[in-house]
């Protein structure tokens, strides 16, 4: 009896130790930034998604270099978040949701297609949203601390336009609308109402669509046609302006597309090209200023890397 009891106690002891060891491994600290921790688990998650995105082999000799790059990025994100908090700069959940929806709409993909592509890269929608929030904070802090210190003159813009006029021929763009109808709805009934004209496409989108741009009547405006997926180009080309597609079944439900307008490419005037040229000229200046800003933050921070 005693031997059995002893055996049971040993099993429980070693099971507990194994669980504790696993927990320690998961919760091991990779770095501490001004008191805020980055766990080894968090680092590995970001490493995995970055390796998938770059299609890197786990045995690639540059893995160690990538790990340092990813860890540096996570540290910089924390420093930016801490600075944003100090200056009361934030991104609300509603703003984040809107930007995520816009980001998906610009790809011309459905939500299901977009999520599938992320999954193939080892990225969840939660991780994507977190990255988007960090990017928005970076942009806002950039506007606050960086952009006010960089500028280009009208003369520089005019000179760039004169030397690169051929680069400003514009792009062919597409305006289209989309509705996602969950399978639980009367999909056929709603579609028939839209087709008969008793329910407008816009009202159907606002009332029934599960897409993020439903409140805009499902409208997706100004998407560069050549950047759309081939299947989307084929669909839009098969429709005339105002034409509506058949119901398209996907894992997320039934999609309906309407082609609203196609805009042919045309040369941009200096005035039209000005915002693009300004961005082109400001980009390297912003990048250098942003790097200097991060260097300043890191020089003042208490960063303890434990790897």
C-alpha atoms as a PDB file:
ATOM      1  CA  UNK A   1       0.000   0.000   0.000  1.00  0.00           C
ATOM      2  CA  UNK A   2       2.798   2.354   0.949  1.00  0.00           C
ATOM      3  CA  UNK A   3       4.695   1.574  -2.249  1.00  0.00           C
ATOM      4  CA  UNK A   4       1.612   2.339  -4.355  1.00  0.00           C
ATOM      5  CA  UNK A   5       1.079   5.606  -2.499  1.00  0.00           C
ATOM      6  CA  UNK A   6       4.710   6.529  -3.001  1.00  0.00           C
ATOM      7  CA  UNK A   7       4.440   5.779  -6.726  1.00  0.00           C
ATOM      8  CA  UNK A   8       1.337   7.951  -7.044  1.00  0.00           C
ATOM      9  CA  UNK A   9       3.045  10.796  -5.212  1.00  0.00           C
ATOM     10  CA  UNK A  10       6.070  10.529  -7.505  1.00  0.00           C
ATOM     11  CA  UNK A  11       3.866  10.634 -10.610  1.00  0.00           C
ATOM     12  CA  UNK A  12       2.037  13.709  -9.284  1.00  0.00           C
ATOM     13  CA  UNK A  13       5.317  15.353  -8.358  1.00  0.00           C
ATOM     14  CA  UNK A  14       6.944  14.827 -11.745  1.00  0.00           C
ATOM     15  CA  UNK A  15       3.717  15.744 -13.576  1.00  0.00           C
ATOM     16  CA  UNK A  16       3.616  18.995 -11.632  1.00  0.00           C
ATOM     17  CA  UNK A  17       7.270  19.662 -12.360  1.00  0.00           C
ATOM     18  CA  UNK A  18       6.751  18.962 -16.078  1.00  0.00           C
ATOM     19  CA  UNK A  19       3.798  21.352 -16.198  1.00  0.00           C
ATOM     20  CA  UNK A  20       5.819  23.979 -14.366  1.00  0.00           C
ATOM     21  CA  UNK A  21       8.731  23.465 -16.756  1.00  0.00           C
ATOM     22  CA  UNK A  22       6.425  23.863 -19.757  1.00  0.00           C
ATOM     23  CA  UNK A  23       4.957  27.019 -18.238  1.00  0.00           C
ATOM     24  CA  UNK A  24       8.434  28.410 -17.554  1.00  0.00           C
ATOM     25  CA  UNK A  25       9.430  27.725 -21.175  1.00  0.00           C
ATOM     26  CA  UNK A  26       6.306  29.453 -22.522  1.00  0.00           C
ATOM     27  CA  UNK A  27       6.576  32.394 -20.125  1.00  0.00           C
ATOM     28  CA  UNK A  28      10.339  32.810 -20.297  1.00  0.00           C
ATOM     29  CA  UNK A  29      11.233  36.468 -20.717  1.00  0.00           C
ATOM     30  CA  UNK A  30      12.972  37.467 -23.954  1.00  0.00           C
ATOM     31  CA  UNK A  31      13.349  41.143 -23.015  1.00  0.00           C
ATOM     32  CA  UNK A  32      12.097  43.805 -20.623  1.00  0.00           C
ATOM     33  CA  UNK A  33      11.555  47.356 -21.926  1.00  0.00           C
ATOM     34  CA  UNK A  34      11.075  50.014 -19.249  1.00  0.00           C
ATOM     35  CA  UNK A  35       9.413  47.358 -17.103  1.00  0.00           C
ATOM     36  CA  UNK A  36       7.240  45.917 -19.899  1.00  0.00           C
ATOM     37  CA  UNK A  37       7.968  42.289 -20.807  1.00  0.00           C
ATOM     38  CA  UNK A  38       8.287  40.486 -24.128  1.00  0.00           C
ATOM     39  CA  UNK A  39       7.876  36.746 -23.576  1.00  0.00           C
ATOM     40  CA  UNK A  40       9.698  34.070 -25.519  1.00  0.00           C
ATOM     41  CA  UNK A  41       6.288  32.765 -26.627  1.00  0.00           C
ATOM     42  CA  UNK A  42       5.375  36.160 -28.094  1.00  0.00           C
ATOM     43  CA  UNK A  43       8.725  36.397 -29.875  1.00  0.00           C
ATOM     44  CA  UNK A  44       8.316  32.889 -31.337  1.00  0.00           C
ATOM     45  CA  UNK A  45       4.821  33.699 -32.620  1.00  0.00           C
ATOM     46  CA  UNK A  46       6.079  36.761 -34.482  1.00  0.00           C
ATOM     47  CA  UNK A  47       9.113  34.829 -35.705  1.00  0.00           C
ATOM     48  CA  UNK A  48       6.901  32.071 -37.123  1.00  0.00           C
ATOM     49  CA  UNK A  49       4.678  34.492 -39.034  1.00  0.00           C
ATOM     50  CA  UNK A  50       7.674  36.417 -40.380  1.00  0.00           C
ATOM     51  CA  UNK A  51       9.376  33.186 -41.490  1.00  0.00           C
ATOM     52  CA  UNK A  52       6.181  32.127 -43.269  1.00  0.00           C
ATOM     53  CA  UNK A  53       5.889  35.517 -44.956  1.00  0.00           C
ATOM     54  CA  UNK A  54       9.501  35.345 -46.169  1.00  0.00           C
ATOM     55  CA  UNK A  55       9.241  31.604 -46.872  1.00  0.00           C
ATOM     56  CA  UNK A  56      12.327  30.926 -44.802  1.00  0.00           C
ATOM     57  CA  UNK A  57      13.500  27.441 -43.900  1.00  0.00           C
ATOM     58  CA  UNK A  58      13.954  26.852 -40.141  1.00  0.00           C
ATOM     59  CA  UNK A  59      17.535  25.777 -40.906  1.00  0.00           C
ATOM     60  CA  UNK A  60      18.319  29.020 -42.751  1.00  0.00           C
ATOM     61  CA  UNK A  61      21.580  30.459 -41.350  1.00  0.00           C
ATOM     62  CA  UNK A  62      19.923  33.902 -41.258  1.00  0.00           C
ATOM     63  CA  UNK A  63      17.354  32.798 -38.633  1.00  0.00           C
ATOM     64  CA  UNK A  64      19.415  34.267 -35.802  1.00  0.00           C
ATOM     65  CA  UNK A  65      19.645  37.558 -37.680  1.00  0.00           C
ATOM     66  CA  UNK A  66      15.858  37.518 -38.231  1.00  0.00           C
ATOM     67  CA  UNK A  67      15.246  36.838 -34.534  1.00  0.00           C
ATOM     68  CA  UNK A  68      17.241  39.943 -33.609  1.00  0.00           C
ATOM     69  CA  UNK A  69      15.319  41.959 -36.197  1.00  0.00           C
ATOM     70  CA  UNK A  70      11.925  40.762 -34.899  1.00  0.00           C
ATOM     71  CA  UNK A  71      12.924  41.368 -31.274  1.00  0.00           C
ATOM     72  CA  UNK A  72      14.134  44.865 -32.126  1.00  0.00           C
ATOM     73  CA  UNK A  73      10.805  45.544 -33.838  1.00  0.00           C
ATOM     74  CA  UNK A  74       8.852  44.369 -30.761  1.00  0.00           C
ATOM     75  CA  UNK A  75      11.023  46.564 -28.535  1.00  0.00           C
ATOM     76  CA  UNK A  76      10.447  49.562 -30.796  1.00  0.00           C
ATOM     77  CA  UNK A  77       6.687  48.908 -30.751  1.00  0.00           C
ATOM     78  CA  UNK A  78       6.707  49.022 -26.949  1.00  0.00           C
ATOM     79  CA  UNK A  79       8.733  52.241 -26.912  1.00  0.00           C
ATOM     80  CA  UNK A  80       6.300  53.858 -29.361  1.00  0.00           C
ATOM     81  CA  UNK A  81       3.284  52.684 -27.324  1.00  0.00           C
ATOM     82  CA  UNK A  82       4.841  54.050 -24.146  1.00  0.00           C
ATOM     83  CA  UNK A  83       5.573  57.389 -25.808  1.00  0.00           C
ATOM     84  CA  UNK A  84       2.063  57.496 -27.265  1.00  0.00           C
ATOM     85  CA  UNK A  85       0.623  56.934 -23.800  1.00  0.00           C
ATOM     86  CA  UNK A  86       2.816  59.686 -22.398  1.00  0.00           C
ATOM     87  CA  UNK A  87       1.578  62.149 -25.034  1.00  0.00           C
ATOM     88  CA  UNK A  88      -2.021  60.829 -24.816  1.00  0.00           C
ATOM     89  CA  UNK A  89      -1.975  59.641 -28.442  1.00  0.00           C
ATOM     90  CA  UNK A  90      -4.213  56.612 -29.007  1.00  0.00           C
ATOM     91  CA  UNK A  91      -6.119  54.528 -31.564  1.00  0.00           C
ATOM     92  CA  UNK A  92      -9.689  53.647 -30.596  1.00  0.00           C
ATOM     93  CA  UNK A  93     -11.212  50.236 -31.325  1.00  0.00           C
ATOM     94  CA  UNK A  94     -13.637  51.874 -33.779  1.00  0.00           C
ATOM     95  CA  UNK A  95     -10.779  53.584 -35.655  1.00  0.00           C
ATOM     96  CA  UNK A  96      -8.825  50.325 -35.740  1.00  0.00           C
ATOM     97  CA  UNK A  97     -11.812  48.400 -37.121  1.00  0.00           C
ATOM     98  CA  UNK A  98     -12.333  51.027 -39.820  1.00  0.00           C
ATOM     99  CA  UNK A  99      -8.672  50.913 -40.888  1.00  0.00           C
ATOM    100  CA  UNK A 100      -8.643  47.109 -40.964  1.00  0.00           C
ATOM    101  CA  UNK A 101     -11.767  47.119 -43.159  1.00  0.00           C
ATOM    102  CA  UNK A 102     -10.219  49.701 -45.492  1.00  0.00           C
ATOM    103  CA  UNK A 103      -7.036  47.645 -45.699  1.00  0.00           C
ATOM    104  CA  UNK A 104      -9.006  44.546 -46.714  1.00  0.00           C
ATOM    105  CA  UNK A 105     -11.126  46.523 -49.207  1.00  0.00           C
ATOM    106  CA  UNK A 106      -8.007  47.906 -50.931  1.00  0.00           C
ATOM    107  CA  UNK A 107      -6.871  44.363 -51.747  1.00  0.00           C
ATOM    108  CA  UNK A 108     -10.135  43.670 -53.573  1.00  0.00           C
ATOM    109  CA  UNK A 109     -10.399  40.386 -51.663  1.00  0.00           C
ATOM    110  CA  UNK A 110     -13.282  39.108 -49.586  1.00  0.00           C
ATOM    111  CA  UNK A 111     -12.861  38.811 -45.827  1.00  0.00           C
ATOM    112  CA  UNK A 112     -12.618  35.021 -46.146  1.00  0.00           C
ATOM    113  CA  UNK A 113      -9.925  35.239 -48.841  1.00  0.00           C
ATOM    114  CA  UNK A 114      -7.971  37.767 -46.811  1.00  0.00           C
ATOM    115  CA  UNK A 115      -8.101  35.643 -43.651  1.00  0.00           C
ATOM    116  CA  UNK A 116      -6.982  32.581 -45.641  1.00  0.00           C
ATOM    117  CA  UNK A 117      -3.934  34.453 -46.933  1.00  0.00           C
ATOM    118  CA  UNK A 118      -3.057  35.575 -43.422  1.00  0.00           C
ATOM    119  CA  UNK A 119      -3.450  32.026 -42.106  1.00  0.00           C
ATOM    120  CA  UNK A 120      -1.019  30.769 -44.757  1.00  0.00           C
ATOM    121  CA  UNK A 121       1.513  33.211 -43.294  1.00  0.00           C
ATOM    122  CA  UNK A 122       0.830  32.057 -39.739  1.00  0.00           C
ATOM    123  CA  UNK A 123      -1.010  35.264 -38.859  1.00  0.00           C
ATOM    124  CA  UNK A 124      -4.384  35.462 -37.136  1.00  0.00           C
ATOM    125  CA  UNK A 125      -6.786  38.394 -37.592  1.00  0.00           C
ATOM    126  CA  UNK A 126      -6.049  39.322 -33.965  1.00  0.00           C
ATOM    127  CA  UNK A 127      -2.319  39.526 -34.704  1.00  0.00           C
ATOM    128  CA  UNK A 128      -2.989  41.465 -37.914  1.00  0.00           C
ATOM    129  CA  UNK A 129      -5.177  43.946 -35.996  1.00  0.00           C
ATOM    130  CA  UNK A 130      -2.482  44.324 -33.338  1.00  0.00           C
ATOM    131  CA  UNK A 131       0.076  45.117 -36.027  1.00  0.00           C
ATOM    132  CA  UNK A 132      -2.327  47.578 -37.628  1.00  0.00           C
ATOM    133  CA  UNK A 133      -2.822  49.333 -34.276  1.00  0.00           C
ATOM    134  CA  UNK A 134       0.963  49.548 -33.806  1.00  0.00           C
ATOM    135  CA  UNK A 135       1.351  50.930 -37.341  1.00  0.00           C
ATOM    136  CA  UNK A 136      -1.341  53.542 -36.735  1.00  0.00           C
ATOM    137  CA  UNK A 137       0.334  54.562 -33.491  1.00  0.00           C
ATOM    138  CA  UNK A 138       3.658  54.801 -35.336  1.00  0.00           C
ATOM    139  CA  UNK A 139       2.018  57.028 -37.959  1.00  0.00           C
ATOM    140  CA  UNK A 140       0.390  59.265 -35.366  1.00  0.00           C
ATOM    141  CA  UNK A 141       3.539  59.554 -33.336  1.00  0.00           C
ATOM    142  CA  UNK A 142       5.362  60.131 -36.607  1.00  0.00           C
ATOM    143  CA  UNK A 143       3.030  63.023 -37.420  1.00  0.00           C
ATOM    144  CA  UNK A 144       3.520  64.311 -33.901  1.00  0.00           C
ATOM    145  CA  UNK A 145       7.285  63.928 -33.511  1.00  0.00           C
ATOM    146  CA  UNK A 146       8.708  63.396 -37.010  1.00  0.00           C
ATOM    147  CA  UNK A 147       6.694  65.027 -39.812  1.00  0.00           C
ATOM    148  CA  UNK A 148       6.814  68.497 -38.302  1.00  0.00           C
ATOM    149  CA  UNK A 149      10.594  68.401 -38.711  1.00  0.00           C
ATOM    150  CA  UNK A 150      10.744  67.358 -42.378  1.00  0.00           C
ATOM    151  CA  UNK A 151       9.477  69.219 -45.449  1.00  0.00           C
ATOM    152  CA  UNK A 152      10.041  69.734 -49.177  1.00  0.00           C
ATOM    153  CA  UNK A 153       9.731  72.986 -51.131  1.00  0.00           C
ATOM    154  CA  UNK A 154       7.353  73.698 -54.069  1.00  0.00           C
ATOM    155  CA  UNK A 155      10.450  74.115 -56.240  1.00  0.00           C
ATOM    156  CA  UNK A 156      11.650  70.587 -55.397  1.00  0.00           C
ATOM    157  CA  UNK A 157       8.219  69.189 -56.276  1.00  0.00           C
ATOM    158  CA  UNK A 158       8.095  71.022 -59.630  1.00  0.00           C
ATOM    159  CA  UNK A 159      11.619  69.892 -60.496  1.00  0.00           C
ATOM    160  CA  UNK A 160      10.784  66.250 -59.713  1.00  0.00           C
ATOM    161  CA  UNK A 161       7.623  66.426 -61.840  1.00  0.00           C
ATOM    162  CA  UNK A 162       9.531  67.881 -64.813  1.00  0.00           C
ATOM    163  CA  UNK A 163      12.136  65.101 -64.647  1.00  0.00           C
ATOM    164  CA  UNK A 164       9.663  62.251 -64.098  1.00  0.00           C
ATOM    165  CA  UNK A 165       6.574  63.311 -66.047  1.00  0.00           C
ATOM    166  CA  UNK A 166       6.233  59.862 -67.664  1.00  0.00           C
ATOM    167  CA  UNK A 167       5.834  58.272 -64.241  1.00  0.00           C
ATOM    168  CA  UNK A 168       2.591  60.135 -63.643  1.00  0.00           C
ATOM    169  CA  UNK A 169       0.324  58.578 -66.240  1.00  0.00           C
ATOM    170  CA  UNK A 170      -2.126  57.478 -63.571  1.00  0.00           C
ATOM    171  CA  UNK A 171      -3.742  54.053 -63.124  1.00  0.00           C
ATOM    172  CA  UNK A 172      -6.924  52.462 -64.329  1.00  0.00           C
ATOM    173  CA  UNK A 173      -9.168  52.181 -61.282  1.00  0.00           C
ATOM    174  CA  UNK A 174     -12.393  50.387 -60.410  1.00  0.00           C
ATOM    175  CA  UNK A 175     -15.324  51.325 -58.211  1.00  0.00           C
ATOM    176  CA  UNK A 176     -17.445  48.371 -57.142  1.00  0.00           C
ATOM    177  CA  UNK A 177     -19.832  47.395 -54.362  1.00  0.00           C
ATOM    178  CA  UNK A 178     -20.022  44.148 -52.423  1.00  0.00           C
ATOM    179  CA  UNK A 179     -22.517  42.410 -50.153  1.00  0.00           C
ATOM    180  CA  UNK A 180     -21.819  39.359 -47.998  1.00  0.00           C
ATOM    181  CA  UNK A 181     -24.963  37.439 -47.057  1.00  0.00           C
ATOM    182  CA  UNK A 182     -24.566  34.832 -44.291  1.00  0.00           C
ATOM    183  CA  UNK A 183     -26.024  31.413 -45.111  1.00  0.00           C
ATOM    184  CA  UNK A 184     -28.496  31.762 -42.235  1.00  0.00           C
ATOM    185  CA  UNK A 185     -30.369  34.475 -44.133  1.00  0.00           C
ATOM    186  CA  UNK A 186     -32.909  34.168 -46.942  1.00  0.00           C
ATOM    187  CA  UNK A 187     -30.115  34.647 -49.458  1.00  0.00           C
ATOM    188  CA  UNK A 188     -32.147  33.861 -52.576  1.00  0.00           C
ATOM    189  CA  UNK A 189     -35.025  36.079 -51.429  1.00  0.00           C
ATOM    190  CA  UNK A 190     -32.772  39.067 -50.764  1.00  0.00           C
ATOM    191  CA  UNK A 191     -30.944  38.578 -54.067  1.00  0.00           C
ATOM    192  CA  UNK A 192     -34.236  38.465 -55.985  1.00  0.00           C
ATOM    193  CA  UNK A 193     -35.373  41.715 -54.328  1.00  0.00           C
ATOM    194  CA  UNK A 194     -32.142  43.467 -55.350  1.00  0.00           C
ATOM    195  CA  UNK A 195     -32.356  42.119 -58.884  1.00  0.00           C
ATOM    196  CA  UNK A 196     -36.034  43.157 -59.204  1.00  0.00           C
ATOM    197  CA  UNK A 197     -35.241  46.656 -57.942  1.00  0.00           C
ATOM    198  CA  UNK A 198     -37.588  46.468 -54.962  1.00  0.00           C
ATOM    199  CA  UNK A 199     -34.529  46.679 -52.677  1.00  0.00           C
ATOM    200  CA  UNK A 200     -31.557  48.846 -53.622  1.00  0.00           C
ATOM    201  CA  UNK A 201     -28.068  47.371 -53.504  1.00  0.00           C
ATOM    202  CA  UNK A 202     -27.019  50.040 -50.991  1.00  0.00           C
ATOM    203  CA  UNK A 203     -29.942  49.408 -48.640  1.00  0.00           C
ATOM    204  CA  UNK A 204     -29.385  45.647 -48.857  1.00  0.00           C
ATOM    205  CA  UNK A 205     -25.716  46.157 -47.926  1.00  0.00           C
ATOM    206  CA  UNK A 206     -26.582  48.347 -44.944  1.00  0.00           C
ATOM    207  CA  UNK A 207     -29.320  46.013 -43.741  1.00  0.00           C
ATOM    208  CA  UNK A 208     -27.895  42.553 -44.398  1.00  0.00           C
ATOM    209  CA  UNK A 209     -24.201  42.588 -45.363  1.00  0.00           C
ATOM    210  CA  UNK A 210     -21.618  41.126 -42.987  1.00  0.00           C
ATOM    211  CA  UNK A 211     -18.783  42.980 -44.756  1.00  0.00           C
ATOM    212  CA  UNK A 212     -16.993  45.773 -42.880  1.00  0.00           C
ATOM    213  CA  UNK A 213     -18.038  48.476 -45.365  1.00  0.00           C
ATOM    214  CA  UNK A 214     -21.761  47.690 -45.091  1.00  0.00           C
ATOM    215  CA  UNK A 215     -22.620  51.159 -43.773  1.00  0.00           C
ATOM    216  CA  UNK A 216     -21.089  52.674 -46.920  1.00  0.00           C
ATOM    217  CA  UNK A 217     -23.597  50.709 -48.994  1.00  0.00           C
ATOM    218  CA  UNK A 218     -20.884  48.147 -49.761  1.00  0.00           C
ATOM    219  CA  UNK A 219     -18.929  50.651 -51.866  1.00  0.00           C
ATOM    220  CA  UNK A 220     -15.227  50.091 -52.579  1.00  0.00           C
ATOM    221  CA  UNK A 221     -13.863  53.088 -54.461  1.00  0.00           C
ATOM    222  CA  UNK A 222     -10.741  53.747 -56.528  1.00  0.00           C
ATOM    223  CA  UNK A 223      -9.047  50.328 -56.403  1.00  0.00           C
ATOM    224  CA  UNK A 224      -6.212  50.065 -58.989  1.00  0.00           C
ATOM    225  CA  UNK A 225      -7.560  47.549 -61.494  1.00  0.00           C
ATOM    226  CA  UNK A 226      -4.190  45.955 -62.277  1.00  0.00           C
ATOM    227  CA  UNK A 227      -3.616  45.195 -58.598  1.00  0.00           C
ATOM    228  CA  UNK A 228      -6.852  43.251 -58.206  1.00  0.00           C
ATOM    229  CA  UNK A 229      -6.696  39.425 -58.119  1.00  0.00           C
ATOM    230  CA  UNK A 230      -7.147  37.935 -61.634  1.00  0.00           C
ATOM    231  CA  UNK A 231     -10.516  36.387 -60.703  1.00  0.00           C
ATOM    232  CA  UNK A 232     -11.788  39.795 -59.568  1.00  0.00           C
ATOM    233  CA  UNK A 233     -10.557  41.446 -62.776  1.00  0.00           C
ATOM    234  CA  UNK A 234     -12.349  38.773 -64.783  1.00  0.00           C
ATOM    235  CA  UNK A 235     -15.566  39.282 -62.829  1.00  0.00           C
ATOM    236  CA  UNK A 236     -15.566  43.075 -63.218  1.00  0.00           C
ATOM    237  CA  UNK A 237     -14.675  42.815 -66.916  1.00  0.00           C
ATOM    238  CA  UNK A 238     -17.690  40.546 -67.458  1.00  0.00           C
ATOM    239  CA  UNK A 239     -20.041  43.216 -66.080  1.00  0.00           C
ATOM    240  CA  UNK A 240     -21.101  46.579 -67.439  1.00  0.00           C
ATOM    241  CA  UNK A 241     -21.372  49.646 -65.192  1.00  0.00           C
ATOM    242  CA  UNK A 242     -24.257  49.024 -62.815  1.00  0.00           C
ATOM    243  CA  UNK A 243     -24.215  45.284 -63.602  1.00  0.00           C
ATOM    244  CA  UNK A 244     -24.542  42.811 -60.761  1.00  0.00           C
ATOM    245  CA  UNK A 245     -22.907  39.407 -60.411  1.00  0.00           C
ATOM    246  CA  UNK A 246     -24.575  36.097 -59.619  1.00  0.00           C
ATOM    247  CA  UNK A 247     -24.501  34.818 -56.042  1.00  0.00           C
ATOM    248  CA  UNK A 248     -20.995  33.525 -55.312  1.00  0.00           C
ATOM    249  CA  UNK A 249     -20.812  30.900 -52.561  1.00  0.00           C
ATOM    250  CA  UNK A 250     -17.785  30.919 -50.229  1.00  0.00           C
ATOM    251  CA  UNK A 251     -16.997  29.580 -46.774  1.00  0.00           C
ATOM    252  CA  UNK A 252     -18.082  32.899 -45.294  1.00  0.00           C
ATOM    253  CA  UNK A 253     -21.462  32.985 -47.024  1.00  0.00           C
ATOM    254  CA  UNK A 254     -22.746  34.303 -50.363  1.00  0.00           C
ATOM    255  CA  UNK A 255     -21.143  37.298 -52.087  1.00  0.00           C
ATOM    256  CA  UNK A 256     -22.770  39.645 -54.582  1.00  0.00           C
ATOM    257  CA  UNK A 257     -20.711  42.189 -56.510  1.00  0.00           C
ATOM    258  CA  UNK A 258     -21.825  45.182 -58.532  1.00  0.00           C
ATOM    259  CA  UNK A 259     -19.578  47.033 -60.923  1.00  0.00           C
ATOM    260  CA  UNK A 260     -20.103  50.759 -60.397  1.00  0.00           C
ATOM    261  CA  UNK A 261     -17.539  52.418 -62.673  1.00  0.00           C
ATOM    262  CA  UNK A 262     -14.202  51.905 -64.401  1.00  0.00           C
ATOM    263  CA  UNK A 263     -11.888  54.895 -64.690  1.00  0.00           C
ATOM    264  CA  UNK A 264      -9.282  54.824 -67.446  1.00  0.00           C
ATOM    265  CA  UNK A 265      -5.737  55.972 -66.744  1.00  0.00           C
ATOM    266  CA  UNK A 266      -4.919  59.546 -67.694  1.00  0.00           C
ATOM    267  CA  UNK A 267      -1.815  61.739 -67.229  1.00  0.00           C
ATOM    268  CA  UNK A 268      -1.753  63.637 -63.968  1.00  0.00           C
ATOM    269  CA  UNK A 269      -1.216  67.402 -63.931  1.00  0.00           C
ATOM    270  CA  UNK A 270       1.395  68.888 -61.597  1.00  0.00           C
ATOM    271  CA  UNK A 271      -1.380  69.784 -59.179  1.00  0.00           C
ATOM    272  CA  UNK A 272      -2.797  66.243 -59.254  1.00  0.00           C
ATOM    273  CA  UNK A 273       0.662  64.692 -58.945  1.00  0.00           C
ATOM    274  CA  UNK A 274       1.786  67.019 -56.136  1.00  0.00           C
ATOM    275  CA  UNK A 275       0.626  64.812 -53.203  1.00  0.00           C
ATOM    276  CA  UNK A 276       2.336  61.743 -54.716  1.00  0.00           C
ATOM    277  CA  UNK A 277       5.578  63.615 -55.398  1.00  0.00           C
ATOM    278  CA  UNK A 278       5.555  65.084 -51.922  1.00  0.00           C
ATOM    279  CA  UNK A 279       5.246  61.586 -50.448  1.00  0.00           C
ATOM    280  CA  UNK A 280       8.071  60.295 -52.660  1.00  0.00           C
ATOM    281  CA  UNK A 281      10.401  63.099 -51.612  1.00  0.00           C
ATOM    282  CA  UNK A 282       9.411  63.034 -47.955  1.00  0.00           C
ATOM    283  CA  UNK A 283       9.715  59.245 -47.541  1.00  0.00           C
ATOM    284  CA  UNK A 284      13.535  59.053 -47.157  1.00  0.00           C
ATOM    285  CA  UNK A 285      13.538  62.177 -44.961  1.00  0.00           C
ATOM    286  CA  UNK A 286      10.830  60.711 -42.704  1.00  0.00           C
ATOM    287  CA  UNK A 287      12.638  57.363 -42.547  1.00  0.00           C
ATOM    288  CA  UNK A 288      15.893  58.936 -41.445  1.00  0.00           C
ATOM    289  CA  UNK A 289      14.152  61.181 -38.915  1.00  0.00           C
ATOM    290  CA  UNK A 290      12.122  58.204 -37.591  1.00  0.00           C
ATOM    291  CA  UNK A 291      15.303  56.143 -37.181  1.00  0.00           C
ATOM    292  CA  UNK A 292      16.885  59.006 -35.271  1.00  0.00           C
ATOM    293  CA  UNK A 293      13.778  59.299 -33.075  1.00  0.00           C
ATOM    294  CA  UNK A 294      13.898  55.552 -32.257  1.00  0.00           C
ATOM    295  CA  UNK A 295      17.619  55.826 -31.501  1.00  0.00           C
ATOM    296  CA  UNK A 296      16.854  58.619 -29.039  1.00  0.00           C
ATOM    297  CA  UNK A 297      14.091  56.576 -27.363  1.00  0.00           C
ATOM    298  CA  UNK A 298      16.321  53.518 -27.060  1.00  0.00           C
ATOM    299  CA  UNK A 299      19.188  55.567 -25.646  1.00  0.00           C
ATOM    300  CA  UNK A 300      16.943  56.785 -22.819  1.00  0.00           C
ATOM    301  CA  UNK A 301      15.151  53.462 -22.211  1.00  0.00           C
ATOM    302  CA  UNK A 302      16.034  50.664 -19.799  1.00  0.00           C
ATOM    303  CA  UNK A 303      16.179  47.627 -22.087  1.00  0.00           C
ATOM    304  CA  UNK A 304      17.132  44.246 -20.647  1.00  0.00           C
ATOM    305  CA  UNK A 305      17.546  41.573 -23.355  1.00  0.00           C
ATOM    306  CA  UNK A 306      17.668  38.139 -21.715  1.00  0.00           C
ATOM    307  CA  UNK A 307      18.553  35.919 -24.660  1.00  0.00           C
END
